[in-house]
N, C-alpha and C. Protein backbone atom coordinates (compact mmCIF):
# COMPACT_ATOMS: atom_id res chain seq x y z
N MET A 1 0.85 -1.20 0.00
CA MET A 1 0.00 0.00 0.00
C MET A 1 0.88 1.25 0.00
N GLY A 2 0.52 2.24 -0.82
CA GLY A 2 1.33 3.44 -0.94
C GLY A 2 1.25 4.34 0.28
N ARG A 3 2.20 5.25 0.34
CA ARG A 3 2.23 6.21 1.44
C ARG A 3 1.20 7.31 1.21
N THR A 4 0.92 8.06 2.26
CA THR A 4 -0.13 9.06 2.19
C THR A 4 0.46 10.47 2.24
N ILE A 5 -0.05 11.33 1.36
CA ILE A 5 0.31 12.74 1.33
C ILE A 5 -0.93 13.55 1.68
N GLU A 6 -0.80 14.49 2.57
CA GLU A 6 -1.86 15.48 2.79
C GLU A 6 -1.55 16.68 1.91
N TYR A 7 -2.49 17.02 1.05
CA TYR A 7 -2.28 18.03 0.03
C TYR A 7 -3.15 19.25 0.33
N TYR A 8 -2.50 20.32 0.79
CA TYR A 8 -3.18 21.57 1.11
C TYR A 8 -3.00 22.55 -0.06
N PHE A 9 -4.10 23.12 -0.52
CA PHE A 9 -4.03 24.02 -1.67
C PHE A 9 -5.33 24.81 -1.78
N SER A 10 -5.33 25.76 -2.69
CA SER A 10 -6.55 26.49 -3.03
C SER A 10 -6.66 26.59 -4.53
N MET A 11 -7.87 26.59 -5.04
CA MET A 11 -8.10 26.78 -6.47
C MET A 11 -7.66 28.17 -6.92
N HIS A 12 -7.41 29.03 -5.99
CA HIS A 12 -6.96 30.39 -6.25
C HIS A 12 -5.48 30.45 -6.62
N SER A 13 -4.76 29.38 -6.41
CA SER A 13 -3.29 29.39 -6.46
C SER A 13 -2.75 29.00 -7.83
N PRO A 14 -2.01 29.89 -8.51
CA PRO A 14 -1.37 29.48 -9.76
C PRO A 14 -0.31 28.41 -9.54
N TRP A 15 0.29 28.43 -8.36
CA TRP A 15 1.35 27.46 -8.07
C TRP A 15 0.78 26.05 -7.92
N ALA A 16 -0.46 25.94 -7.43
CA ALA A 16 -1.11 24.63 -7.39
C ALA A 16 -1.33 24.10 -8.80
N TYR A 17 -1.70 24.99 -9.72
CA TYR A 17 -1.85 24.60 -11.12
C TYR A 17 -0.49 24.17 -11.70
N ILE A 18 0.53 24.95 -11.46
CA ILE A 18 1.86 24.66 -12.01
C ILE A 18 2.38 23.31 -11.49
N GLY A 19 2.05 22.99 -10.25
CA GLY A 19 2.53 21.74 -9.67
C GLY A 19 1.60 20.55 -9.83
N HIS A 20 0.46 20.76 -10.48
CA HIS A 20 -0.55 19.69 -10.51
C HIS A 20 -0.08 18.46 -11.27
N ILE A 21 0.42 18.63 -12.48
CA ILE A 21 0.83 17.48 -13.28
C ILE A 21 2.02 16.74 -12.65
N PRO A 22 3.06 17.47 -12.16
CA PRO A 22 4.13 16.75 -11.46
C PRO A 22 3.65 15.97 -10.25
N LEU A 23 2.67 16.52 -9.52
CA LEU A 23 2.13 15.79 -8.38
C LEU A 23 1.42 14.53 -8.84
N CYS A 24 0.63 14.63 -9.89
CA CYS A 24 -0.06 13.45 -10.42
C CYS A 24 0.93 12.38 -10.86
N GLU A 25 2.05 12.81 -11.43
CA GLU A 25 3.08 11.85 -11.85
C GLU A 25 3.68 11.14 -10.63
N LEU A 26 3.92 11.90 -9.56
CA LEU A 26 4.42 11.27 -8.33
C LEU A 26 3.41 10.27 -7.78
N MET A 27 2.14 10.65 -7.82
CA MET A 27 1.09 9.77 -7.31
C MET A 27 1.12 8.43 -8.04
N ARG A 28 1.29 8.48 -9.35
CA ARG A 28 1.31 7.24 -10.12
C ARG A 28 2.58 6.42 -9.85
N ARG A 29 3.72 7.11 -9.83
CA ARG A 29 4.99 6.38 -9.70
C ARG A 29 5.15 5.72 -8.33
N PHE A 30 4.63 6.39 -7.30
CA PHE A 30 4.82 5.88 -5.95
C PHE A 30 3.54 5.31 -5.34
N SER A 31 2.49 5.20 -6.14
CA SER A 31 1.19 4.68 -5.67
C SER A 31 0.74 5.42 -4.41
N LEU A 32 0.82 6.74 -4.46
CA LEU A 32 0.51 7.55 -3.31
C LEU A 32 -0.99 7.65 -3.06
N ASN A 33 -1.35 7.68 -1.79
CA ASN A 33 -2.70 8.04 -1.39
C ASN A 33 -2.67 9.53 -1.05
N VAL A 34 -3.48 10.31 -1.73
CA VAL A 34 -3.47 11.75 -1.51
C VAL A 34 -4.79 12.18 -0.87
N THR A 35 -4.67 12.86 0.26
CA THR A 35 -5.84 13.44 0.92
C THR A 35 -5.93 14.91 0.51
N TYR A 36 -6.94 15.24 -0.27
CA TYR A 36 -7.11 16.60 -0.78
C TYR A 36 -7.71 17.48 0.30
N LYS A 37 -7.01 18.57 0.62
CA LYS A 37 -7.45 19.45 1.72
C LYS A 37 -7.45 20.91 1.25
N PRO A 38 -8.44 21.31 0.46
CA PRO A 38 -8.53 22.72 0.06
C PRO A 38 -8.65 23.63 1.29
N ILE A 39 -7.99 24.77 1.21
CA ILE A 39 -7.95 25.68 2.35
C ILE A 39 -8.25 27.12 1.91
N SER A 40 -8.72 27.91 2.86
CA SER A 40 -8.89 29.34 2.64
C SER A 40 -7.54 30.01 2.86
N LEU A 41 -6.92 30.47 1.78
CA LEU A 41 -5.62 31.12 1.92
C LEU A 41 -5.68 32.38 2.78
N PRO A 42 -6.70 33.23 2.64
CA PRO A 42 -6.74 34.41 3.52
C PRO A 42 -6.72 34.04 5.01
N LYS A 43 -7.42 32.98 5.38
CA LYS A 43 -7.45 32.58 6.79
C LYS A 43 -6.11 32.01 7.24
N VAL A 44 -5.48 31.21 6.37
CA VAL A 44 -4.16 30.67 6.71
C VAL A 44 -3.14 31.79 6.79
N PHE A 45 -3.18 32.72 5.84
CA PHE A 45 -2.25 33.86 5.87
C PHE A 45 -2.43 34.67 7.15
N ALA A 46 -3.68 34.90 7.54
CA ALA A 46 -3.95 35.71 8.72
C ALA A 46 -3.33 35.11 9.98
N GLU A 47 -3.24 33.78 10.02
CA GLU A 47 -2.70 33.10 11.20
C GLU A 47 -1.19 32.90 11.13
N THR A 48 -0.62 32.91 9.93
CA THR A 48 0.79 32.53 9.77
C THR A 48 1.67 33.66 9.25
N GLY A 49 1.10 34.85 9.07
CA GLY A 49 1.92 35.99 8.65
C GLY A 49 2.03 36.18 7.15
N GLY A 50 1.25 35.45 6.38
CA GLY A 50 1.26 35.63 4.93
C GLY A 50 0.48 36.88 4.53
N VAL A 51 0.71 37.32 3.30
CA VAL A 51 0.06 38.52 2.79
C VAL A 51 -0.62 38.20 1.46
N PRO A 52 -1.91 38.51 1.31
CA PRO A 52 -2.58 38.27 0.03
C PRO A 52 -1.91 39.04 -1.11
N VAL A 53 -2.08 38.52 -2.31
CA VAL A 53 -1.44 39.13 -3.48
C VAL A 53 -1.75 40.61 -3.59
N THR A 54 -2.99 40.98 -3.35
CA THR A 54 -3.41 42.38 -3.53
C THR A 54 -2.77 43.34 -2.53
N LYS A 55 -2.15 42.80 -1.47
CA LYS A 55 -1.57 43.66 -0.44
C LYS A 55 -0.04 43.58 -0.39
N ARG A 56 0.57 42.92 -1.34
CA ARG A 56 2.02 42.75 -1.31
C ARG A 56 2.74 43.97 -1.87
N HIS A 57 3.96 44.13 -1.43
CA HIS A 57 4.80 45.22 -1.92
C HIS A 57 5.03 45.06 -3.42
N PRO A 58 5.13 46.17 -4.16
CA PRO A 58 5.36 46.08 -5.62
C PRO A 58 6.57 45.24 -6.00
N ALA A 59 7.62 45.26 -5.20
CA ALA A 59 8.80 44.45 -5.51
C ALA A 59 8.46 42.96 -5.48
N ARG A 60 7.64 42.57 -4.51
CA ARG A 60 7.23 41.17 -4.43
C ARG A 60 6.30 40.80 -5.59
N LEU A 61 5.45 41.72 -5.97
CA LEU A 61 4.56 41.46 -7.10
C LEU A 61 5.34 41.31 -8.40
N ARG A 62 6.35 42.15 -8.57
CA ARG A 62 7.17 42.04 -9.79
C ARG A 62 7.92 40.72 -9.82
N TYR A 63 8.46 40.33 -8.68
CA TYR A 63 9.19 39.06 -8.64
C TYR A 63 8.25 37.89 -8.89
N ARG A 64 7.03 37.97 -8.35
CA ARG A 64 6.03 36.92 -8.60
C ARG A 64 5.80 36.74 -10.09
N MET A 65 5.69 37.84 -10.83
CA MET A 65 5.45 37.74 -12.26
C MET A 65 6.62 37.10 -12.99
N VAL A 66 7.84 37.40 -12.56
CA VAL A 66 9.01 36.78 -13.16
C VAL A 66 9.01 35.28 -12.89
N GLU A 67 8.72 34.89 -11.66
CA GLU A 67 8.68 33.47 -11.30
C GLU A 67 7.61 32.71 -12.08
N LEU A 68 6.45 33.34 -12.25
CA LEU A 68 5.40 32.69 -13.03
C LEU A 68 5.86 32.41 -14.46
N GLN A 69 6.59 33.35 -15.03
CA GLN A 69 7.09 33.15 -16.38
C GLN A 69 8.14 32.04 -16.43
N ARG A 70 9.02 32.02 -15.43
CA ARG A 70 10.03 30.96 -15.38
C ARG A 70 9.37 29.58 -15.32
N TRP A 71 8.41 29.43 -14.40
CA TRP A 71 7.81 28.12 -14.20
C TRP A 71 6.84 27.77 -15.31
N ARG A 72 6.22 28.76 -15.92
CA ARG A 72 5.38 28.50 -17.09
C ARG A 72 6.22 27.85 -18.19
N GLU A 73 7.42 28.38 -18.40
CA GLU A 73 8.33 27.83 -19.40
C GLU A 73 8.85 26.46 -18.97
N LYS A 74 9.23 26.35 -17.69
CA LYS A 74 9.79 25.09 -17.18
C LYS A 74 8.80 23.94 -17.30
N ARG A 75 7.54 24.21 -16.95
CA ARG A 75 6.52 23.17 -16.99
C ARG A 75 5.80 23.08 -18.33
N ARG A 76 6.16 23.98 -19.24
CA ARG A 76 5.57 24.01 -20.59
C ARG A 76 4.06 24.14 -20.52
N LEU A 77 3.62 25.16 -19.81
CA LEU A 77 2.19 25.40 -19.64
C LEU A 77 1.75 26.63 -20.41
N ASN A 78 0.53 26.61 -20.83
CA ASN A 78 -0.10 27.80 -21.40
C ASN A 78 -0.80 28.51 -20.24
N LEU A 79 -0.14 29.46 -19.64
CA LEU A 79 -0.64 30.12 -18.43
C LEU A 79 -0.66 31.62 -18.65
N LYS A 80 -1.83 32.23 -18.54
CA LYS A 80 -1.94 33.67 -18.65
C LYS A 80 -1.52 34.30 -17.32
N LEU A 81 -0.68 35.29 -17.37
CA LEU A 81 -0.14 35.88 -16.15
C LEU A 81 -1.17 36.70 -15.39
N ARG A 82 -2.09 37.30 -16.10
CA ARG A 82 -3.12 38.14 -15.48
C ARG A 82 -4.50 37.76 -16.03
N PRO A 83 -4.99 36.59 -15.66
CA PRO A 83 -6.29 36.16 -16.19
C PRO A 83 -7.41 37.10 -15.72
N LYS A 84 -8.45 37.15 -16.51
CA LYS A 84 -9.54 38.10 -16.28
C LYS A 84 -10.16 37.95 -14.91
N PHE A 85 -10.33 36.72 -14.43
CA PHE A 85 -11.04 36.50 -13.16
C PHE A 85 -10.07 36.11 -12.04
N PHE A 86 -9.02 36.88 -11.90
CA PHE A 86 -8.07 36.70 -10.79
C PHE A 86 -7.62 38.07 -10.32
N PRO A 87 -7.59 38.28 -9.00
CA PRO A 87 -7.97 37.34 -7.93
C PRO A 87 -9.48 37.20 -7.81
N PHE A 88 -9.91 36.16 -7.12
CA PHE A 88 -11.34 35.91 -6.92
C PHE A 88 -11.54 35.21 -5.59
N ASP A 89 -12.78 35.18 -5.12
CA ASP A 89 -13.11 34.47 -3.89
C ASP A 89 -13.18 32.98 -4.21
N ALA A 90 -12.24 32.22 -3.68
CA ALA A 90 -12.11 30.82 -4.05
C ALA A 90 -12.92 29.87 -3.18
N GLU A 91 -13.69 30.38 -2.23
CA GLU A 91 -14.33 29.47 -1.28
C GLU A 91 -15.26 28.46 -1.96
N LEU A 92 -16.11 28.90 -2.88
CA LEU A 92 -17.03 27.96 -3.51
C LEU A 92 -16.27 26.91 -4.30
N ALA A 93 -15.27 27.31 -5.05
CA ALA A 93 -14.48 26.36 -5.83
C ALA A 93 -13.75 25.38 -4.91
N ASP A 94 -13.19 25.89 -3.82
CA ASP A 94 -12.50 25.01 -2.87
C ASP A 94 -13.47 24.00 -2.25
N ARG A 95 -14.64 24.48 -1.88
CA ARG A 95 -15.62 23.59 -1.27
C ARG A 95 -16.20 22.60 -2.29
N PHE A 96 -16.22 23.01 -3.54
CA PHE A 96 -16.63 22.10 -4.61
C PHE A 96 -15.65 20.91 -4.67
N VAL A 97 -14.37 21.20 -4.53
CA VAL A 97 -13.37 20.14 -4.52
C VAL A 97 -13.54 19.23 -3.31
N ILE A 98 -13.86 19.82 -2.17
CA ILE A 98 -14.11 19.02 -0.97
C ILE A 98 -15.26 18.06 -1.20
N ALA A 99 -16.35 18.56 -1.79
CA ALA A 99 -17.50 17.71 -2.07
C ALA A 99 -17.15 16.61 -3.05
N MET A 100 -16.36 16.94 -4.04
CA MET A 100 -15.98 15.98 -5.06
C MET A 100 -15.04 14.92 -4.50
N ALA A 101 -14.05 15.35 -3.73
CA ALA A 101 -13.06 14.41 -3.20
C ALA A 101 -13.70 13.39 -2.26
N ALA A 102 -14.82 13.75 -1.65
CA ALA A 102 -15.50 12.83 -0.74
C ALA A 102 -16.16 11.67 -1.48
N ARG A 103 -16.40 11.84 -2.80
CA ARG A 103 -17.16 10.83 -3.54
C ARG A 103 -16.48 10.35 -4.81
N HIS A 104 -15.57 11.13 -5.35
CA HIS A 104 -15.02 10.85 -6.67
C HIS A 104 -13.52 11.12 -6.67
N GLY A 105 -12.86 10.72 -7.74
CA GLY A 105 -11.48 11.13 -7.95
C GLY A 105 -11.42 12.60 -8.31
N SER A 106 -10.29 13.25 -8.04
CA SER A 106 -10.21 14.69 -8.21
C SER A 106 -9.31 15.14 -9.36
N ASP A 107 -8.45 14.27 -9.85
CA ASP A 107 -7.39 14.72 -10.75
C ASP A 107 -7.91 15.36 -12.02
N SER A 108 -8.85 14.73 -12.70
CA SER A 108 -9.31 15.26 -13.98
C SER A 108 -10.04 16.58 -13.80
N PHE A 109 -10.85 16.69 -12.76
CA PHE A 109 -11.54 17.96 -12.52
C PHE A 109 -10.55 19.06 -12.20
N LEU A 110 -9.59 18.79 -11.33
CA LEU A 110 -8.65 19.82 -10.93
C LEU A 110 -7.88 20.37 -12.12
N LEU A 111 -7.36 19.49 -12.96
CA LEU A 111 -6.62 19.96 -14.12
C LEU A 111 -7.51 20.79 -15.03
N ARG A 112 -8.72 20.32 -15.27
CA ARG A 112 -9.62 21.05 -16.15
C ARG A 112 -9.99 22.40 -15.55
N ALA A 113 -10.21 22.46 -14.24
CA ALA A 113 -10.57 23.72 -13.59
C ALA A 113 -9.41 24.71 -13.60
N PHE A 114 -8.19 24.22 -13.32
CA PHE A 114 -7.02 25.09 -13.39
C PHE A 114 -6.84 25.65 -14.80
N GLU A 115 -7.02 24.81 -15.80
CA GLU A 115 -6.89 25.28 -17.18
C GLU A 115 -7.96 26.30 -17.51
N ALA A 116 -9.17 26.08 -16.99
CA ALA A 116 -10.26 27.02 -17.25
C ALA A 116 -9.92 28.41 -16.72
N LEU A 117 -9.32 28.46 -15.55
CA LEU A 117 -8.96 29.76 -14.96
C LEU A 117 -7.74 30.37 -15.63
N TRP A 118 -6.65 29.60 -15.71
CA TRP A 118 -5.35 30.16 -16.09
C TRP A 118 -5.09 30.17 -17.60
N GLN A 119 -5.83 29.39 -18.35
CA GLN A 119 -5.68 29.40 -19.80
C GLN A 119 -6.84 30.10 -20.50
N GLU A 120 -8.07 29.76 -20.05
CA GLU A 120 -9.26 30.20 -20.78
C GLU A 120 -9.95 31.39 -20.12
N GLU A 121 -9.43 31.83 -18.97
CA GLU A 121 -9.96 33.01 -18.27
C GLU A 121 -11.44 32.87 -17.93
N GLN A 122 -11.79 31.70 -17.40
CA GLN A 122 -13.14 31.48 -16.91
C GLN A 122 -13.20 31.82 -15.42
N ASP A 123 -14.41 32.02 -14.93
CA ASP A 123 -14.64 32.48 -13.57
C ASP A 123 -14.96 31.31 -12.65
N LEU A 124 -14.00 30.89 -11.84
CA LEU A 124 -14.23 29.76 -10.94
C LEU A 124 -15.06 30.14 -9.72
N ALA A 125 -15.36 31.40 -9.56
CA ALA A 125 -16.28 31.80 -8.48
C ALA A 125 -17.73 31.65 -8.92
N ASP A 126 -17.95 31.35 -10.18
CA ASP A 126 -19.29 31.23 -10.74
C ASP A 126 -19.77 29.78 -10.68
N ALA A 127 -20.92 29.55 -10.09
CA ALA A 127 -21.43 28.19 -9.91
C ALA A 127 -21.64 27.49 -11.24
N LYS A 128 -22.14 28.20 -12.24
CA LYS A 128 -22.39 27.57 -13.54
C LYS A 128 -21.08 27.08 -14.18
N THR A 129 -20.02 27.84 -14.00
CA THR A 129 -18.72 27.41 -14.53
C THR A 129 -18.27 26.11 -13.89
N LEU A 130 -18.42 26.01 -12.58
CA LEU A 130 -18.02 24.79 -11.88
C LEU A 130 -18.86 23.59 -12.32
N ILE A 131 -20.15 23.80 -12.49
CA ILE A 131 -21.03 22.72 -12.95
C ILE A 131 -20.61 22.25 -14.33
N THR A 132 -20.35 23.20 -15.22
CA THR A 132 -19.96 22.86 -16.59
C THR A 132 -18.67 22.05 -16.63
N ILE A 133 -17.70 22.47 -15.83
CA ILE A 133 -16.42 21.74 -15.79
C ILE A 133 -16.62 20.33 -15.24
N ALA A 134 -17.39 20.22 -14.16
CA ALA A 134 -17.65 18.90 -13.58
C ALA A 134 -18.36 17.99 -14.57
N ASP A 135 -19.39 18.49 -15.20
CA ASP A 135 -20.14 17.69 -16.17
C ASP A 135 -19.23 17.21 -17.31
N ALA A 136 -18.33 18.10 -17.74
CA ALA A 136 -17.43 17.75 -18.85
C ALA A 136 -16.44 16.67 -18.46
N THR A 137 -16.19 16.50 -17.17
CA THR A 137 -15.27 15.45 -16.71
C THR A 137 -16.02 14.23 -16.18
N GLY A 138 -17.32 14.17 -16.47
CA GLY A 138 -18.11 13.00 -16.10
C GLY A 138 -18.61 12.99 -14.68
N LEU A 139 -18.61 14.15 -14.02
CA LEU A 139 -19.06 14.24 -12.64
C LEU A 139 -20.42 14.95 -12.57
N PRO A 140 -21.20 14.67 -11.53
CA PRO A 140 -22.54 15.26 -11.40
C PRO A 140 -22.46 16.69 -10.87
N GLY A 141 -22.36 17.66 -11.77
CA GLY A 141 -22.11 19.04 -11.38
C GLY A 141 -23.14 19.62 -10.42
N GLU A 142 -24.43 19.45 -10.72
CA GLU A 142 -25.49 20.02 -9.87
C GLU A 142 -25.43 19.43 -8.47
N LYS A 143 -25.24 18.13 -8.38
CA LYS A 143 -25.16 17.47 -7.07
C LYS A 143 -23.94 17.94 -6.29
N LEU A 144 -22.80 18.07 -6.97
CA LEU A 144 -21.60 18.53 -6.28
C LEU A 144 -21.75 19.97 -5.81
N LEU A 145 -22.44 20.79 -6.59
CA LEU A 145 -22.66 22.17 -6.16
C LEU A 145 -23.50 22.20 -4.89
N ALA A 146 -24.55 21.40 -4.85
CA ALA A 146 -25.38 21.33 -3.64
C ALA A 146 -24.57 20.87 -2.44
N ASP A 147 -23.74 19.86 -2.67
CA ASP A 147 -22.89 19.37 -1.58
C ASP A 147 -21.88 20.43 -1.14
N ALA A 148 -21.35 21.18 -2.11
CA ALA A 148 -20.37 22.22 -1.79
C ALA A 148 -20.97 23.32 -0.93
N ARG A 149 -22.24 23.56 -1.11
CA ARG A 149 -22.93 24.61 -0.35
C ARG A 149 -23.47 24.12 0.98
N SER A 150 -23.25 22.86 1.30
CA SER A 150 -23.79 22.27 2.52
C SER A 150 -22.98 22.68 3.74
N SER A 151 -23.60 22.51 4.90
CA SER A 151 -22.89 22.80 6.15
C SER A 151 -21.73 21.84 6.37
N GLU A 152 -21.87 20.61 5.85
CA GLU A 152 -20.80 19.63 5.99
C GLU A 152 -19.54 20.10 5.26
N ALA A 153 -19.70 20.62 4.04
CA ALA A 153 -18.54 21.10 3.29
C ALA A 153 -17.93 22.32 3.96
N LYS A 154 -18.79 23.19 4.51
CA LYS A 154 -18.28 24.37 5.22
C LYS A 154 -17.48 23.94 6.44
N SER A 155 -17.98 22.96 7.19
CA SER A 155 -17.27 22.48 8.37
C SER A 155 -15.94 21.85 7.99
N MET A 156 -15.91 21.10 6.89
CA MET A 156 -14.66 20.48 6.45
C MET A 156 -13.67 21.54 6.00
N TYR A 157 -14.15 22.57 5.34
CA TYR A 157 -13.28 23.68 4.90
C TYR A 157 -12.63 24.34 6.11
N ASP A 158 -13.43 24.60 7.13
CA ASP A 158 -12.89 25.19 8.36
C ASP A 158 -11.91 24.25 9.03
N LYS A 159 -12.23 22.96 9.04
CA LYS A 159 -11.33 21.98 9.65
C LYS A 159 -10.00 21.91 8.89
N ASN A 160 -10.06 21.99 7.57
CA ASN A 160 -8.83 21.98 6.78
C ASN A 160 -7.92 23.14 7.15
N VAL A 161 -8.52 24.32 7.37
CA VAL A 161 -7.73 25.48 7.78
C VAL A 161 -7.08 25.22 9.14
N ALA A 162 -7.86 24.70 10.08
CA ALA A 162 -7.31 24.40 11.41
C ALA A 162 -6.20 23.36 11.31
N ASP A 163 -6.42 22.33 10.50
CA ASP A 163 -5.40 21.29 10.31
C ASP A 163 -4.14 21.89 9.68
N ALA A 164 -4.34 22.78 8.70
CA ALA A 164 -3.20 23.40 8.03
C ALA A 164 -2.35 24.20 9.01
N ILE A 165 -3.00 24.99 9.83
CA ILE A 165 -2.27 25.81 10.80
C ILE A 165 -1.53 24.93 11.80
N ALA A 166 -2.20 23.87 12.24
CA ALA A 166 -1.57 22.94 13.19
C ALA A 166 -0.37 22.24 12.57
N ALA A 167 -0.41 22.03 11.25
CA ALA A 167 0.67 21.31 10.56
C ALA A 167 1.79 22.22 10.08
N ASP A 168 1.68 23.53 10.37
CA ASP A 168 2.67 24.53 9.91
C ASP A 168 2.62 24.77 8.41
N VAL A 169 1.45 24.62 7.83
CA VAL A 169 1.24 24.97 6.43
C VAL A 169 1.12 26.48 6.33
N ILE A 170 1.84 27.08 5.36
CA ILE A 170 1.83 28.55 5.26
C ILE A 170 1.44 29.04 3.87
N GLY A 171 1.13 28.15 2.95
CA GLY A 171 0.74 28.60 1.62
C GLY A 171 0.30 27.44 0.75
N SER A 172 0.02 27.75 -0.50
CA SER A 172 -0.47 26.77 -1.47
C SER A 172 0.43 26.73 -2.69
N PRO A 173 0.77 25.50 -3.12
CA PRO A 173 0.42 24.20 -2.56
C PRO A 173 1.41 23.76 -1.49
N THR A 174 0.93 22.95 -0.57
CA THR A 174 1.80 22.35 0.43
C THR A 174 1.50 20.86 0.49
N TYR A 175 2.57 20.08 0.50
CA TYR A 175 2.46 18.63 0.56
C TYR A 175 3.06 18.19 1.90
N VAL A 176 2.32 17.42 2.66
CA VAL A 176 2.79 16.99 3.97
C VAL A 176 2.93 15.47 3.97
N LEU A 177 4.15 15.02 4.19
CA LEU A 177 4.48 13.60 4.21
C LEU A 177 4.97 13.23 5.60
N ASP A 178 4.22 12.40 6.30
CA ASP A 178 4.60 11.97 7.66
C ASP A 178 4.92 13.17 8.54
N GLY A 179 4.16 14.24 8.39
CA GLY A 179 4.34 15.42 9.21
C GLY A 179 5.38 16.40 8.71
N GLU A 180 6.14 16.03 7.68
CA GLU A 180 7.14 16.94 7.12
C GLU A 180 6.50 17.79 6.02
N VAL A 181 6.69 19.09 6.12
CA VAL A 181 6.05 20.03 5.22
C VAL A 181 6.95 20.34 4.02
N PHE A 182 6.37 20.23 2.83
CA PHE A 182 7.02 20.65 1.59
C PHE A 182 6.15 21.74 0.98
N TRP A 183 6.57 22.99 1.14
CA TRP A 183 5.76 24.12 0.69
C TRP A 183 6.20 24.57 -0.70
N GLY A 184 5.28 24.57 -1.63
CA GLY A 184 5.53 25.09 -2.96
C GLY A 184 5.76 23.99 -3.97
N GLN A 185 5.26 24.22 -5.19
CA GLN A 185 5.43 23.22 -6.23
C GLN A 185 6.91 23.03 -6.61
N ASP A 186 7.74 24.02 -6.26
CA ASP A 186 9.18 23.89 -6.52
C ASP A 186 9.87 23.02 -5.48
N ARG A 187 9.10 22.43 -4.56
CA ARG A 187 9.67 21.46 -3.61
C ARG A 187 9.30 20.03 -3.97
N ILE A 188 8.67 19.85 -5.12
CA ILE A 188 8.25 18.50 -5.50
C ILE A 188 9.44 17.57 -5.68
N ASP A 189 10.56 18.10 -6.19
CA ASP A 189 11.76 17.26 -6.33
C ASP A 189 12.25 16.77 -4.97
N LEU A 190 12.18 17.64 -3.96
CA LEU A 190 12.59 17.24 -2.62
C LEU A 190 11.62 16.22 -2.03
N LEU A 191 10.34 16.38 -2.34
CA LEU A 191 9.35 15.39 -1.91
C LEU A 191 9.64 14.05 -2.56
N GLU A 192 9.98 14.08 -3.84
CA GLU A 192 10.32 12.84 -4.54
C GLU A 192 11.54 12.17 -3.92
N ASP A 193 12.54 12.97 -3.56
CA ASP A 193 13.73 12.41 -2.91
C ASP A 193 13.37 11.70 -1.61
N ALA A 194 12.51 12.33 -0.84
CA ALA A 194 12.10 11.72 0.44
C ALA A 194 11.34 10.41 0.21
N LEU A 195 10.54 10.37 -0.83
CA LEU A 195 9.80 9.15 -1.14
C LEU A 195 10.75 8.04 -1.62
N LYS A 196 11.74 8.41 -2.41
CA LYS A 196 12.67 7.42 -2.95
C LYS A 196 13.50 6.75 -1.86
N CYS A 197 14.03 7.57 -0.97
CA CYS A 197 14.97 7.00 0.01
C CYS A 197 14.28 6.46 1.26
N GLY A 198 13.03 6.87 1.46
CA GLY A 198 12.29 6.37 2.62
C GLY A 198 12.83 6.84 3.95
N ARG A 199 13.53 7.97 3.95
CA ARG A 199 14.13 8.46 5.19
C ARG A 199 13.06 8.88 6.20
N ARG A 200 13.49 9.03 7.44
CA ARG A 200 12.59 9.56 8.47
C ARG A 200 12.35 11.04 8.20
N PRO A 201 11.18 11.54 8.56
CA PRO A 201 10.88 12.95 8.28
C PRO A 201 11.76 13.89 9.09
N TYR A 202 12.15 14.98 8.45
CA TYR A 202 12.88 16.02 9.15
C TYR A 202 11.94 16.82 10.03
N ARG A 203 12.45 17.25 11.18
CA ARG A 203 11.67 18.04 12.13
C ARG A 203 12.40 19.35 12.40
N PRO A 204 11.68 20.43 12.68
CA PRO A 204 12.34 21.70 12.94
C PRO A 204 13.15 21.73 14.24
N ASP A 205 12.87 20.79 15.15
CA ASP A 205 13.54 20.81 16.45
C ASP A 205 14.65 19.76 16.56
N THR A 206 15.11 19.23 15.39
CA THR A 206 16.15 18.21 15.46
C THR A 206 17.34 18.62 14.61
């Protein structure tokens, strides 16, 4: 049986999109069990000292744009740097993923949704957009939307935030293996190294 990764992310995150295919490749190669844990980035930032994109210093914003271009080229993605519907309130989209992960596989929907936002400039805050994407990937869009709007999905979303803070998650995407945090899609190679060698997890106090 494969090892388990806790995957914290938000549909709002371009870095989750950039790291999605490499993560799926790791899942296949190592037979990983992935627990999808969408989180509210504003709430995690508020607790851990992060700053939303709209409030960052211009120097940080400029560097972000350079990094997006580097990784767009590295991963060979068609990624628009300033899509029409970004930034947006990601809660409904995140909760849609929570509803979906409870009943179905997530990989095909996630890739299609990321492409819809970052390539096609669709609005992931719009319920009809989410339904259309789900239906196109063979999932029951209307049912998932109802589930996403349920109190159960809201409670799970809040729990994911609490779990993230407890696990020292500070951004999206973050992969947690045996309690060791790998923050950012640019840490996937380090995650792969840890999986290959089977070492004990590193701790901040050792």
